[in-house]
C-alpha atoms as a PDB file:
ATOM      1  CA  MET A   1      -4.492  15.248  12.932  1.00  0.00           C
ATOM      2  CA  ASN A   2      -1.108  15.922  14.601  1.00  0.00           C
ATOM      3  CA  ASP A   3       0.248  14.916  17.641  1.00  0.00           C
ATOM      4  CA  ASN A   4      -0.261  17.773  19.548  1.00  0.00           C
ATOM      5  CA  LYS A   5      -3.635  17.169  19.029  1.00  0.00           C
ATOM      6  CA  ALA A   6      -3.423  13.226  19.945  1.00  0.00           C
ATOM      7  CA  LEU A   7      -2.355  14.761  23.443  1.00  0.00           C
ATOM      8  CA  GLU A   8      -5.248  16.866  23.560  1.00  0.00           C
ATOM      9  CA  ILE A   9      -7.747  14.395  23.183  1.00  0.00           C
ATOM     10  CA  ILE A  10      -5.649  11.540  26.017  1.00  0.00           C
ATOM     11  CA  ASN A  11      -5.716  14.729  28.007  1.00  0.00           C
ATOM     12  CA  LYS A  12      -9.959  14.740  27.881  1.00  0.00           C
ATOM     13  CA  ILE A  13      -9.956  10.992  28.466  1.00  0.00           C
ATOM     14  CA  PHE A  14      -7.343  11.053  31.161  1.00  0.00           C
ATOM     15  CA  LYS A  15      -9.520  13.812  33.209  1.00  0.00           C
ATOM     16  CA  SER A  16     -12.632  11.753  32.570  1.00  0.00           C
ATOM     17  CA  VAL A  17     -11.168   8.285  33.534  1.00  0.00           C
ATOM     18  CA  PHE A  18      -8.350   9.484  36.193  1.00  0.00           C
ATOM     19  CA  ASN A  19      -9.495  13.112  37.240  1.00  0.00           C
ATOM     20  CA  THR A  20      -5.575  13.925  36.351  1.00  0.00           C
ATOM     21  CA  GLU A  21      -3.885  15.592  33.476  1.00  0.00           C
ATOM     22  CA  ASN A  22      -2.199  13.481  31.358  1.00  0.00           C
ATOM     23  CA  ASN A  23       1.739  14.309  31.266  1.00  0.00           C
ATOM     24  CA  PHE A  24       2.984  11.282  29.511  1.00  0.00           C
ATOM     25  CA  SER A  25       4.446  11.607  26.069  1.00  0.00           C
ATOM     26  CA  LEU A  26       2.944  10.121  22.719  1.00  0.00           C
ATOM     27  CA  ASP A  27       5.655   7.593  22.997  1.00  0.00           C
ATOM     28  CA  PHE A  28       5.474   6.157  26.267  1.00  0.00           C
ATOM     29  CA  ILE A  29       0.887   6.034  25.840  1.00  0.00           C
ATOM     30  CA  LEU A  30       2.002   3.787  23.411  1.00  0.00           C
ATOM     31  CA  GLU A  31       4.382   1.606  25.336  1.00  0.00           C
ATOM     32  CA  LYS A  32       2.084   1.900  28.469  1.00  0.00           C
ATOM     33  CA  PHE A  33      -1.506   1.881  27.799  1.00  0.00           C
ATOM     34  CA  ALA A  34      -1.480   0.555  23.680  1.00  0.00           C
ATOM     35  CA  PHE A  35       1.445  -2.121  23.864  1.00  0.00           C
ATOM     36  CA  ASP A  36      -0.886  -4.966  22.242  1.00  0.00           C
ATOM     37  CA  ILE A  37      -3.551  -3.075  19.980  1.00  0.00           C
ATOM     38  CA  LYS A  38      -2.768  -3.740  16.392  1.00  0.00           C
ATOM     39  CA  LEU A  39      -2.022  -0.459  14.787  1.00  0.00           C
ATOM     40  CA  PRO A  40      -0.739   0.633  11.452  1.00  0.00           C
ATOM     41  CA  LYS A  41       2.829   0.380  10.860  1.00  0.00           C
ATOM     42  CA  GLN A  42       4.777   3.393   8.864  1.00  0.00           C
ATOM     43  CA  VAL A  43       5.961   1.841   5.897  1.00  0.00           C
ATOM     44  CA  ASN A  44       7.146   3.740   2.154  1.00  0.00           C
ATOM     45  CA  ASP A  45       4.853   4.268  -0.957  1.00  0.00           C
ATOM     46  CA  PHE A  46       6.506   2.117  -3.435  1.00  0.00           C
ATOM     47  CA  THR A  47       5.966   4.880  -6.181  1.00  0.00           C
ATOM     48  CA  THR A  48       6.945   7.699  -4.364  1.00  0.00           C
ATOM     49  CA  ASN A  49       8.926   6.559  -1.176  1.00  0.00           C
ATOM     50  CA  GLU A  50       6.810   8.729   0.904  1.00  0.00           C
ATOM     51  CA  VAL A  51       6.021   7.855   4.250  1.00  0.00           C
ATOM     52  CA  THR A  52       2.475   5.946   5.031  1.00  0.00           C
ATOM     53  CA  TRP A  53       0.913   3.736   7.298  1.00  0.00           C
ATOM     54  CA  ALA A  54      -0.492   0.640   6.364  1.00  0.00           C
ATOM     55  CA  ASP A  55      -2.690  -2.120   8.442  1.00  0.00           C
ATOM     56  CA  ALA A  56      -1.450  -5.272   6.510  1.00  0.00           C
ATOM     57  CA  ILE A  57       2.245  -5.227   5.914  1.00  0.00           C
ATOM     58  CA  ASN A  58       3.334  -8.975   4.562  1.00  0.00           C
ATOM     59  CA  SER A  59       3.138  -7.472   0.976  1.00  0.00           C
ATOM     60  CA  GLY A  60       6.364  -5.270   1.135  1.00  0.00           C
ATOM     61  CA  ARG A  61       5.125  -2.493  -1.755  1.00  0.00           C
ATOM     62  CA  PHE A  62       2.664  -0.053  -0.730  1.00  0.00           C
ATOM     63  CA  ILE A  63       0.885   2.820  -2.222  1.00  0.00           C
ATOM     64  CA  THR A  64      -0.788   5.537  -0.798  1.00  0.00           C
ATOM     65  CA  ASN A  65      -4.159   5.292  -1.403  1.00  0.00           C
ATOM     66  CA  LYS A  66      -4.389   9.219  -2.594  1.00  0.00           C
ATOM     67  CA  ASN A  67      -1.419   8.135  -5.233  1.00  0.00           C
ATOM     68  CA  MET A  68      -3.252   4.853  -6.634  1.00  0.00           C
ATOM     69  CA  VAL A  69      -6.812   6.965  -7.594  1.00  0.00           C
ATOM     70  CA  GLU A  70      -4.319   9.885  -8.991  1.00  0.00           C
ATOM     71  CA  LYS A  71      -2.437   7.100 -10.828  1.00  0.00           C
ATOM     72  CA  ASP A  72      -6.271   5.400 -11.911  1.00  0.00           C
ATOM     73  CA  LYS A  73      -7.148   9.131 -12.959  1.00  0.00           C
ATOM     74  CA  THR A  74      -4.357   9.976 -15.018  1.00  0.00           C
ATOM     75  CA  GLU A  75      -2.538   6.835 -16.250  1.00  0.00           C
ATOM     76  CA  GLY A  76      -4.619   3.955 -15.390  1.00  0.00           C
ATOM     77  CA  TRP A  77      -3.452   0.802 -14.539  1.00  0.00           C
ATOM     78  CA  MET A  78      -3.976  -1.694 -17.639  1.00  0.00           C
ATOM     79  CA  LEU A  79      -0.605  -2.546 -19.277  1.00  0.00           C
ATOM     80  CA  PRO A  80       0.166  -2.955 -22.858  1.00  0.00           C
ATOM     81  CA  LYS A  81      -0.332  -6.940 -23.712  1.00  0.00           C
ATOM     82  CA  LYS A  82       3.237  -8.288 -24.280  1.00  0.00           C
ATOM     83  CA  ASP A  83       4.186 -12.080 -24.875  1.00  0.00           C
ATOM     84  CA  ILE A  84       5.082 -14.313 -21.713  1.00  0.00           C
ATOM     85  CA  ASN A  85       7.789 -16.781 -21.800  1.00  0.00           C
ATOM     86  CA  ASN A  86       7.969 -18.121 -18.523  1.00  0.00           C
ATOM     87  CA  LEU A  87       6.412 -18.150 -14.937  1.00  0.00           C
ATOM     88  CA  GLN A  88       9.276 -15.454 -13.653  1.00  0.00           C
ATOM     89  CA  GLU A  89       8.419 -13.082 -16.239  1.00  0.00           C
ATOM     90  CA  LEU A  90       4.751 -13.069 -15.480  1.00  0.00           C
ATOM     91  CA  ILE A  91       5.550 -12.439 -11.940  1.00  0.00           C
ATOM     92  CA  ASP A  92       7.811  -9.923 -12.500  1.00  0.00           C
ATOM     93  CA  ILE A  93       5.044  -8.054 -14.348  1.00  0.00           C
ATOM     94  CA  TRP A  94       2.399  -8.694 -11.877  1.00  0.00           C
ATOM     95  CA  ASN A  95       5.081  -6.884  -8.839  1.00  0.00           C
ATOM     96  CA  THR A  96       4.904  -4.067 -11.016  1.00  0.00           C
ATOM     97  CA  ILE A  97       1.156  -3.175 -10.170  1.00  0.00           C
ATOM     98  CA  ASN A  98       1.069  -5.422  -7.096  1.00  0.00           C
ATOM     99  CA  LEU A  99       0.736  -2.668  -4.537  1.00  0.00           C
ATOM    100  CA  THR A 100      -0.981  -2.965  -1.010  1.00  0.00           C
ATOM    101  CA  THR A 101      -3.137   0.264  -1.047  1.00  0.00           C
ATOM    102  CA  THR A 102      -2.349   2.394   2.419  1.00  0.00           C
ATOM    103  CA  GLU A 103      -3.924   4.871   4.521  1.00  0.00           C
ATOM    104  CA  ARG A 104      -7.408   4.140   3.231  1.00  0.00           C
ATOM    105  CA  VAL A 105      -9.837   6.952   4.781  1.00  0.00           C
ATOM    106  CA  TYR A 106     -13.432   7.511   3.435  1.00  0.00           C
ATOM    107  CA  ASP A 107     -15.866  10.275   4.337  1.00  0.00           C
ATOM    108  CA  SER A 108     -13.405  11.202   7.274  1.00  0.00           C
ATOM    109  CA  ILE A 109     -11.783  14.442   8.331  1.00  0.00           C
ATOM    110  CA  SER A 110      -8.711  14.690  10.277  1.00  0.00           C
ATOM    111  CA  VAL A 111      -7.083  11.753  10.203  1.00  0.00           C
ATOM    112  CA  ALA A 112      -3.060  10.814  10.505  1.00  0.00           C
ATOM    113  CA  LYS A 113      -1.102   7.313  10.397  1.00  0.00           C
ATOM    114  CA  SER A 114      -4.206   5.591  10.057  1.00  0.00           C
ATOM    115  CA  ASP A 115      -5.355   2.655   7.811  1.00  0.00           C
ATOM    116  CA  THR A 116      -9.276   1.628   7.300  1.00  0.00           C
ATOM    117  CA  ILE A 117     -10.997   4.472   8.648  1.00  0.00           C
ATOM    118  CA  TYR A 118     -14.824   5.303   7.865  1.00  0.00           C
ATOM    119  CA  ARG A 119     -16.998   8.217   8.452  1.00  0.00           C
ATOM    120  CA  CYS A 120     -14.984   9.387  11.652  1.00  0.00           C
ATOM    121  CA  GLU A 121     -13.280  12.961  13.072  1.00  0.00           C
ATOM    122  CA  ASN A 122     -10.688  13.042  15.335  1.00  0.00           C
ATOM    123  CA  ILE A 123      -8.298   9.720  14.446  1.00  0.00           C
ATOM    124  CA  TYR A 124      -4.736   9.541  15.335  1.00  0.00           C
ATOM    125  CA  ARG A 125      -3.036   6.138  14.490  1.00  0.00           C
ATOM    126  CA  CYS A 126      -5.890   4.066  14.003  1.00  0.00           C
ATOM    127  CA  THR A 127      -6.909   1.008  12.318  1.00  0.00           C
ATOM    128  CA  ASP A 128     -10.619  -0.393  11.110  1.00  0.00           C
ATOM    129  CA  CYS A 129     -12.775   2.125  13.275  1.00  0.00           C
ATOM    130  CA  ARG A 130     -15.968   3.162  11.696  1.00  0.00           C
ATOM    131  CA  ASP A 131     -18.479   6.432  12.517  1.00  0.00           C
ATOM    132  CA  CYS A 132     -15.804   7.429  15.579  1.00  0.00           C
ATOM    133  CA  LYS A 133     -14.383  10.813  16.616  1.00  0.00           C
ATOM    134  CA  ASN A 134     -11.237  11.451  18.869  1.00  0.00           C
ATOM    135  CA  MET A 135      -9.924   8.430  18.955  1.00  0.00           C
ATOM    136  CA  VAL A 136      -5.990   7.461  19.787  1.00  0.00           C
ATOM    137  CA  TYR A 137      -4.658   4.096  19.190  1.00  0.00           C
ATOM    138  CA  CYS A 138      -7.394   2.302  18.745  1.00  0.00           C
ATOM    139  CA  ASP A 139      -8.499  -0.914  16.652  1.00  0.00           C
ATOM    140  CA  SER A 140     -11.880  -2.190  15.532  1.00  0.00           C
ATOM    141  CA  CYS A 141     -14.129   0.265  17.011  1.00  0.00           C
ATOM    142  CA  GLY A 142     -17.282   1.671  15.861  1.00  0.00           C
ATOM    143  CA  ASN A 143     -19.661   4.560  16.758  1.00  0.00           C
ATOM    144  CA  GLY A 144     -17.372   5.458  19.925  1.00  0.00           C
ATOM    145  CA  GLU A 145     -15.305   8.774  21.133  1.00  0.00           C
ATOM    146  CA  PHE A 146     -12.818   9.910  23.475  1.00  0.00           C
ATOM    147  CA  LEU A 147     -10.929   6.522  23.519  1.00  0.00           C
ATOM    148  CA  LEU A 148      -7.518   5.716  24.085  1.00  0.00           C
ATOM    149  CA  ALA A 149      -6.139   2.167  23.554  1.00  0.00           C
ATOM    150  CA  CYS A 150      -9.475   0.186  22.650  1.00  0.00           C
ATOM    151  CA  GLN A 151     -10.198  -2.408  20.497  1.00  0.00           C
ATOM    152  CA  ARG A 152     -13.576  -4.386  18.950  1.00  0.00           C
ATOM    153  CA  SER A 153     -15.676  -2.195  21.116  1.00  0.00           C
ATOM    154  CA  SER A 154     -18.798   0.321  20.414  1.00  0.00           C
ATOM    155  CA  THR A 155     -20.894   2.605  21.898  1.00  0.00           C
ATOM    156  CA  CYS A 156     -18.081   3.344  24.286  1.00  0.00           C
ATOM    157  CA  ASN A 157     -16.996   6.766  24.990  1.00  0.00           C
ATOM    158  CA  PHE A 158     -14.127   8.698  27.277  1.00  0.00           C
ATOM    159  CA  SER A 159     -12.227   5.059  28.398  1.00  0.00           C
ATOM    160  CA  ILE A 160      -8.658   3.404  28.137  1.00  0.00           C
ATOM    161  CA  ARG A 161      -8.212   0.147  27.207  1.00  0.00           C
ATOM    162  CA  CYS A 162     -11.459  -1.187  26.271  1.00  0.00           C
ATOM    163  CA  ASP A 163     -11.797  -4.320  24.721  1.00  0.00           C
ATOM    164  CA  ASP A 164     -15.054  -6.385  23.481  1.00  0.00           C
ATOM    165  CA  SER A 165     -17.136  -4.347  25.086  1.00  0.00           C
ATOM    166  CA  ARG A 166     -20.154  -1.967  24.149  1.00  0.00           C
ATOM    167  CA  ASP A 167     -21.873   0.973  26.059  1.00  0.00           C
ATOM    168  CA  CYS A 168     -19.028   1.958  28.566  1.00  0.00           C
ATOM    169  CA  SER A 169     -17.963   5.088  29.858  1.00  0.00           C
ATOM    170  CA  ASN A 170     -15.304   6.510  31.399  1.00  0.00           C
ATOM    171  CA  SER A 171     -13.592   3.367  32.542  1.00  0.00           C
ATOM    172  CA  TYR A 172     -10.566   1.548  32.666  1.00  0.00           C
ATOM    173  CA  ASN A 173      -9.125  -1.866  31.419  1.00  0.00           C
ATOM    174  CA  VAL A 174     -12.664  -3.055  30.908  1.00  0.00           C
ATOM    175  CA  ILE A 175     -13.150  -6.698  29.022  1.00  0.00           C
ATOM    176  CA  CYS A 176     -15.936  -8.491  27.636  1.00  0.00           C
ATOM    177  CA  SER A 177     -18.348  -6.093  29.575  1.00  0.00           C
ATOM    178  CA  ASN A 178     -21.876  -4.105  28.821  1.00  0.00           C
ATOM    179  CA  LYS A 179     -22.548  -0.809  30.214  1.00  0.00           C
ATOM    180  CA  VAL A 180     -20.280   0.156  32.590  1.00  0.00           C
ATOM    181  CA  SER A 181     -19.292   3.330  33.598  1.00  0.00           C
ATOM    182  CA  ASN A 182     -16.654   5.095  36.177  1.00  0.00           C
ATOM    183  CA  SER A 183     -14.864   1.734  36.325  1.00  0.00           C
ATOM    184  CA  LEU A 184     -11.152   0.140  36.530  1.00  0.00           C
ATOM    185  CA  PHE A 185     -10.498  -3.748  35.572  1.00  0.00           C
ATOM    186  CA  ILE A 186     -13.736  -4.793  34.805  1.00  0.00           C
ATOM    187  CA  GLN A 187     -14.213  -8.236  33.206  1.00  0.00           C
ATOM    188  CA  ASP A 188     -16.729  -9.869  32.073  1.00  0.00           C
ATOM    189  CA  CYS A 189     -20.083  -7.698  33.810  1.00  0.00           C
ATOM    190  CA  PHE A 190     -23.067  -6.287  33.137  1.00  0.00           C
ATOM    191  CA  ASN A 191     -24.636  -3.074  34.460  1.00  0.00           C
ATOM    192  CA  LEU A 192     -21.479  -1.685  36.918  1.00  0.00           C
ATOM    193  CA  HIS A 193     -20.837   1.866  38.031  1.00  0.00           C
ATOM    194  CA  GLU A 194     -18.191   3.241  39.891  1.00  0.00           C
ATOM    195  CA  CYS A 195     -16.600  -0.493  40.728  1.00  0.00           C
ATOM    196  CA  MET A 196     -13.215  -2.227  40.305  1.00  0.00           C
ATOM    197  CA  PHE A 197     -11.413  -5.288  40.151  1.00  0.00           C
ATOM    198  CA  CYS A 198     -14.931  -7.165  39.442  1.00  0.00           C
ATOM    199  CA  SER A 199     -15.468 -10.232  37.520  1.00  0.00           C
ATOM    200  CA  HIS A 200     -18.855 -11.747  36.330  1.00  0.00           C
ATOM    201  CA  ILE A 201     -21.524  -9.742  38.378  1.00  0.00           C
ATOM    202  CA  ALA A 202     -23.876  -7.115  37.512  1.00  0.00           C
ATOM    203  CA  SER A 203     -26.115  -4.317  38.659  1.00  0.00           C
ATOM    204  CA  LYS A 204     -23.108  -3.169  41.236  1.00  0.00           C
ATOM    205  CA  ARG A 205     -22.061  -0.113  42.474  1.00  0.00           C
ATOM    206  CA  PHE A 206     -19.126   0.776  45.107  1.00  0.00           C
ATOM    207  CA  CYS A 207     -17.845  -3.070  44.797  1.00  0.00           C
ATOM    208  CA  ILE A 208     -14.228  -4.032  44.809  1.00  0.00           C
ATOM    209  CA  ALA A 209     -12.860  -7.560  44.035  1.00  0.00           C
ATOM    210  CA  ASN A 210     -16.792  -8.599  44.046  1.00  0.00           C
ATOM    211  CA  MET A 211     -16.962  -7.267  47.300  1.00  0.00           C
ATOM    212  CA  GLN A 212     -19.659  -4.189  48.510  1.00  0.00           C
ATOM    213  CA  PHE A 213     -18.013  -1.262  50.045  1.00  0.00           C
ATOM    214  CA  GLU A 214     -19.078   1.773  51.547  1.00  0.00           C
ATOM    215  CA  GLU A 215     -19.730   4.433  49.118  1.00  0.00           C
ATOM    216  CA  GLU A 216     -16.595   6.988  50.878  1.00  0.00           C
ATOM    217  CA  GLU A 217     -14.347   3.855  51.799  1.00  0.00           C
ATOM    218  CA  TYR A 218     -14.584   2.856  48.175  1.00  0.00           C
ATOM    219  CA  TYR A 219     -13.364   6.412  46.750  1.00  0.00           C
ATOM    220  CA  GLU A 220     -10.659   6.379  48.955  1.00  0.00           C
ATOM    221  CA  ILE A 221      -9.250   3.004  47.665  1.00  0.00           C
ATOM    222  CA  LYS A 222      -9.703   4.448  43.930  1.00  0.00           C
ATOM    223  CA  LYS A 223      -7.404   7.267  44.510  1.00  0.00           C
ATOM    224  CA  GLN A 224      -4.908   4.984  45.282  1.00  0.00           C
ATOM    225  CA  ILE A 225      -5.562   2.503  42.069  1.00  0.00           C
ATOM    226  CA  ILE A 226      -5.322   5.807  40.113  1.00  0.00           C
ATOM    227  CA  GLU A 227      -2.136   6.723  41.919  1.00  0.00           C
ATOM    228  CA  TRP A 228      -0.572   2.726  41.182  1.00  0.00           C
ATOM    229  CA  ILE A 229      -1.690   2.552  37.303  1.00  0.00           C
ATOM    230  CA  LEU A 230      -0.645   6.481  36.379  1.00  0.00           C
ATOM    231  CA  ASN A 231       2.679   5.534  38.554  1.00  0.00           C
ATOM    232  CA  SER A 232       3.508   2.121  37.866  1.00  0.00           C
ATOM    233  CA  GLN A 233       6.009   1.258  34.948  1.00  0.00           C
ATOM    234  CA  ASN A 234       4.129  -1.499  33.252  1.00  0.00           C
END
């Protein structure tokens, strides 16, 4: 996994959600779509000074999971017993071993700039994801595929900014909803297809702001909304 692969994944998501190619850089995508997502931060391994990525940075001292395992195999983490004269001496010794493990990636392949990843593939700068594929800038997602800037969601695919939702697809900005597809700006809804700016409704199609539209006029308005999303600076 690298920057180019991440952009390929984003491009596929854009085609599915917006029916257009992605022309944005990774930095712009991060600022525009993932600005509020909890993502791993860049830090340095305390033992080698190499760059690594951690989802918890309060400790200030880090070691990659790879280096932690290697030290365990070669040297071990036990220290010889010594006399402790005061509390500061004890704390100083503790600081030499109290390193926060980073890039904790388990049973996964093609993962970059991520931490706490389980049974995943093609993951770029994500945290706390499990059983996922092709994810960029996501937090706490499970059983998802082709997601960008999503958090706390499961069994979603080809979507951008899905929060606290499940079984959503080909959608943008979906919050606390279930079974939403091909939709934009949805909150607290169930079983919607091709709807926009809707809240607290269920089992609808071609609705905008909780109002029923004809299919043809709905798609005409949707084109304008997508242009607004992609051209807006916020």
